[in-house]
Amino acid sequence: MIQSFEKMLASGKDNTLLRFSLGSEYLKAGEPVNAVNHLRQAVALDPKYSAAWKLLGRALVESGQPADALVAYREGIAVAEAKGDKQAAKEMTVYARRIEKSVHEDRGRSNEND
């Protein structure tokens, strides 16, 4: 699937859905860094695509970038709420809270070691 999508992209057929699909496929393949690149492009092409924001957040988490994921989730929540996409907003809120909790716990452990 990835090869087919990459061929489409190489032929000049760049659009939001293609970038979203590539990001999704790269995530499934265990390549979150490649997924991030395509999903960032998807939200650049359509900043109101809440599903792309949600998947971008996940890809950023999986690529070890929780702070960037939190930013993506917050942007995605705002987009989803503005569109009335309550389920996506709810899911991203849960994911964002997990990151915030994890960061808070990590800081606590760091302070204990000082």
C-alpha atoms as a PDB file:
ATOM      1  CA  MET A   1       0.000   0.000   0.000  1.00  0.00           C
ATOM      2  CA  ILE A   2       2.772   2.438   0.941  1.00  0.00           C
ATOM      3  CA  GLN A   3       4.507   1.936  -2.414  1.00  0.00           C
ATOM      4  CA  SER A   4       1.290   2.649  -4.313  1.00  0.00           C
ATOM      5  CA  PHE A   5       0.682   5.820  -2.333  1.00  0.00           C
ATOM      6  CA  GLU A   6       4.294   6.939  -2.721  1.00  0.00           C
ATOM      7  CA  LYS A   7       4.036   6.438  -6.498  1.00  0.00           C
ATOM      8  CA  MET A   8       0.906   8.596  -6.560  1.00  0.00           C
ATOM      9  CA  LEU A   9       2.716  11.278  -4.592  1.00  0.00           C
ATOM     10  CA  ALA A  10       5.759  11.091  -6.865  1.00  0.00           C
ATOM     11  CA  SER A  11       3.501  11.516  -9.899  1.00  0.00           C
ATOM     12  CA  GLY A  12       2.317  14.861  -8.537  1.00  0.00           C
ATOM     13  CA  LYS A  13      -0.980  13.797  -6.972  1.00  0.00           C
ATOM     14  CA  ASP A  14      -0.410  15.499  -3.625  1.00  0.00           C
ATOM     15  CA  ASN A  15      -3.514  16.048  -1.506  1.00  0.00           C
ATOM     16  CA  THR A  16      -4.756  15.815   2.053  1.00  0.00           C
ATOM     17  CA  LEU A  17      -6.282  12.355   1.796  1.00  0.00           C
ATOM     18  CA  LEU A  18      -3.157  10.906   0.173  1.00  0.00           C
ATOM     19  CA  ARG A  19      -0.940  12.371   2.905  1.00  0.00           C
ATOM     20  CA  PHE A  20      -3.326  11.135   5.608  1.00  0.00           C
ATOM     21  CA  SER A  21      -3.346   7.662   4.053  1.00  0.00           C
ATOM     22  CA  LEU A  22       0.445   7.581   3.826  1.00  0.00           C
ATOM     23  CA  GLY A  23       0.731   8.668   7.443  1.00  0.00           C
ATOM     24  CA  SER A  24      -1.695   5.981   8.523  1.00  0.00           C
ATOM     25  CA  GLU A  25       0.088   3.267   6.549  1.00  0.00           C
ATOM     26  CA  TYR A  26       3.511   4.281   7.861  1.00  0.00           C
ATOM     27  CA  LEU A  27       2.152   4.118  11.411  1.00  0.00           C
ATOM     28  CA  LYS A  28       0.796   0.624  10.771  1.00  0.00           C
ATOM     29  CA  ALA A  29       4.220  -0.338   9.394  1.00  0.00           C
ATOM     30  CA  GLY A  30       5.940   0.848  12.577  1.00  0.00           C
ATOM     31  CA  GLU A  31       7.532   3.891  10.939  1.00  0.00           C
ATOM     32  CA  PRO A  32       6.207   6.809  13.006  1.00  0.00           C
ATOM     33  CA  VAL A  33       8.815   9.318  11.815  1.00  0.00           C
ATOM     34  CA  ASN A  34       7.702   8.862   8.205  1.00  0.00           C
ATOM     35  CA  ALA A  35       4.098   9.042   9.397  1.00  0.00           C
ATOM     36  CA  VAL A  36       4.767  12.367  11.129  1.00  0.00           C
ATOM     37  CA  ASN A  37       6.180  13.878   7.931  1.00  0.00           C
ATOM     38  CA  HIS A  38       3.106  13.003   5.894  1.00  0.00           C
ATOM     39  CA  LEU A  39       0.606  13.891   8.608  1.00  0.00           C
ATOM     40  CA  ARG A  40       2.198  17.292   9.138  1.00  0.00           C
ATOM     41  CA  GLN A  41       1.723  17.871   5.423  1.00  0.00           C
ATOM     42  CA  ALA A  42      -1.899  16.683   5.651  1.00  0.00           C
ATOM     43  CA  VAL A  43      -2.747  19.260   8.328  1.00  0.00           C
ATOM     44  CA  ALA A  44      -0.836  21.927   6.404  1.00  0.00           C
ATOM     45  CA  LEU A  45      -2.991  21.200   3.356  1.00  0.00           C
ATOM     46  CA  ASP A  46      -6.207  21.097   5.424  1.00  0.00           C
ATOM     47  CA  PRO A  47      -5.853  22.580   8.925  1.00  0.00           C
ATOM     48  CA  LYS A  48      -9.468  21.650   9.680  1.00  0.00           C
ATOM     49  CA  TYR A  49      -8.957  17.882   9.206  1.00  0.00           C
ATOM     50  CA  SER A  50      -9.431  16.683  12.792  1.00  0.00           C
ATOM     51  CA  ALA A  51      -8.679  13.028  12.011  1.00  0.00           C
ATOM     52  CA  ALA A  52      -5.272  14.054  10.666  1.00  0.00           C
ATOM     53  CA  TRP A  53      -4.541  16.017  13.848  1.00  0.00           C
ATOM     54  CA  LYS A  54      -5.458  12.984  15.944  1.00  0.00           C
ATOM     55  CA  LEU A  55      -3.244  10.648  13.926  1.00  0.00           C
ATOM     56  CA  LEU A  56      -0.421  13.211  13.929  1.00  0.00           C
ATOM     57  CA  GLY A  57      -0.555  13.289  17.723  1.00  0.00           C
ATOM     58  CA  ARG A  58      -0.317   9.508  17.865  1.00  0.00           C
ATOM     59  CA  ALA A  59       2.582   9.435  15.398  1.00  0.00           C
ATOM     60  CA  LEU A  60       4.433  12.053  17.424  1.00  0.00           C
ATOM     61  CA  VAL A  61       3.951  10.030  20.620  1.00  0.00           C
ATOM     62  CA  GLU A  62       5.186   6.890  18.892  1.00  0.00           C
ATOM     63  CA  SER A  63       8.219   8.737  17.540  1.00  0.00           C
ATOM     64  CA  GLY A  64       9.169   9.937  21.027  1.00  0.00           C
ATOM     65  CA  GLN A  65       7.973  13.537  20.732  1.00  0.00           C
ATOM     66  CA  PRO A  66       5.338  13.889  23.475  1.00  0.00           C
ATOM     67  CA  ALA A  67       5.594  17.689  23.734  1.00  0.00           C
ATOM     68  CA  ASP A  68       4.900  18.062  20.015  1.00  0.00           C
ATOM     69  CA  ALA A  69       2.112  15.491  20.294  1.00  0.00           C
ATOM     70  CA  LEU A  70       0.484  17.565  23.010  1.00  0.00           C
ATOM     71  CA  VAL A  71       0.587  20.623  20.746  1.00  0.00           C
ATOM     72  CA  ALA A  72      -0.964  18.606  17.892  1.00  0.00           C
ATOM     73  CA  TYR A  73      -3.693  17.220  20.130  1.00  0.00           C
ATOM     74  CA  ARG A  74      -4.550  20.674  21.466  1.00  0.00           C
ATOM     75  CA  GLU A  75      -4.788  22.049  17.932  1.00  0.00           C
ATOM     76  CA  GLY A  76      -6.840  19.037  16.903  1.00  0.00           C
ATOM     77  CA  ILE A  77      -9.201  19.481  19.846  1.00  0.00           C
ATOM     78  CA  ALA A  78      -9.840  23.098  18.851  1.00  0.00           C
ATOM     79  CA  VAL A  79     -10.461  22.069  15.229  1.00  0.00           C
ATOM     80  CA  ALA A  80     -12.754  19.191  16.194  1.00  0.00           C
ATOM     81  CA  GLU A  81     -14.760  21.330  18.616  1.00  0.00           C
ATOM     82  CA  ALA A  82     -15.182  24.053  16.002  1.00  0.00           C
ATOM     83  CA  LYS A  83     -16.508  21.458  13.537  1.00  0.00           C
ATOM     84  CA  GLY A  84     -18.757  19.800  16.102  1.00  0.00           C
ATOM     85  CA  ASP A  85     -16.730  16.581  15.907  1.00  0.00           C
ATOM     86  CA  LYS A  86     -17.316  15.723  19.551  1.00  0.00           C
ATOM     87  CA  GLN A  87     -15.947  12.169  19.441  1.00  0.00           C
ATOM     88  CA  ALA A  88     -12.591  13.210  17.967  1.00  0.00           C
ATOM     89  CA  ALA A  89     -12.323  16.084  20.469  1.00  0.00           C
ATOM     90  CA  LYS A  90     -13.085  13.714  23.326  1.00  0.00           C
ATOM     91  CA  GLU A  91     -10.507  11.157  22.190  1.00  0.00           C
ATOM     92  CA  MET A  92      -7.780  13.759  21.719  1.00  0.00           C
ATOM     93  CA  THR A  93      -8.584  15.245  25.137  1.00  0.00           C
ATOM     94  CA  VAL A  94      -8.012  11.830  26.714  1.00  0.00           C
ATOM     95  CA  TYR A  95      -4.714  11.396  24.843  1.00  0.00           C
ATOM     96  CA  ALA A  96      -3.560  14.907  25.779  1.00  0.00           C
ATOM     97  CA  ARG A  97      -4.335  14.288  29.457  1.00  0.00           C
ATOM     98  CA  ARG A  98      -2.288  11.091  29.375  1.00  0.00           C
ATOM     99  CA  ILE A  99       0.695  13.020  28.031  1.00  0.00           C
ATOM    100  CA  GLU A 100       0.247  15.794  30.613  1.00  0.00           C
ATOM    101  CA  LYS A 101       0.046  13.205  33.401  1.00  0.00           C
ATOM    102  CA  SER A 102       3.123  11.403  32.108  1.00  0.00           C
ATOM    103  CA  VAL A 103       5.113  14.643  31.885  1.00  0.00           C
ATOM    104  CA  HIS A 104       4.006  15.598  35.384  1.00  0.00           C
ATOM    105  CA  GLU A 105       5.031  12.176  36.753  1.00  0.00           C
ATOM    106  CA  ASP A 106       8.397  12.368  34.981  1.00  0.00           C
ATOM    107  CA  ARG A 107       9.059  15.780  36.541  1.00  0.00           C
ATOM    108  CA  GLY A 108       8.173  14.387  39.945  1.00  0.00           C
ATOM    109  CA  ARG A 109      10.661  11.533  39.539  1.00  0.00           C
ATOM    110  CA  SER A 110      13.276  13.997  38.311  1.00  0.00           C
ATOM    111  CA  ASN A 111      12.805  16.197  41.370  1.00  0.00           C
ATOM    112  CA  GLU A 112      13.131  13.184  43.670  1.00  0.00           C
ATOM    113  CA  ASN A 113      16.513  12.391  42.155  1.00  0.00           C
ATOM    114  CA  ASP A 114      17.878  15.935  42.609  1.00  0.00           C
END
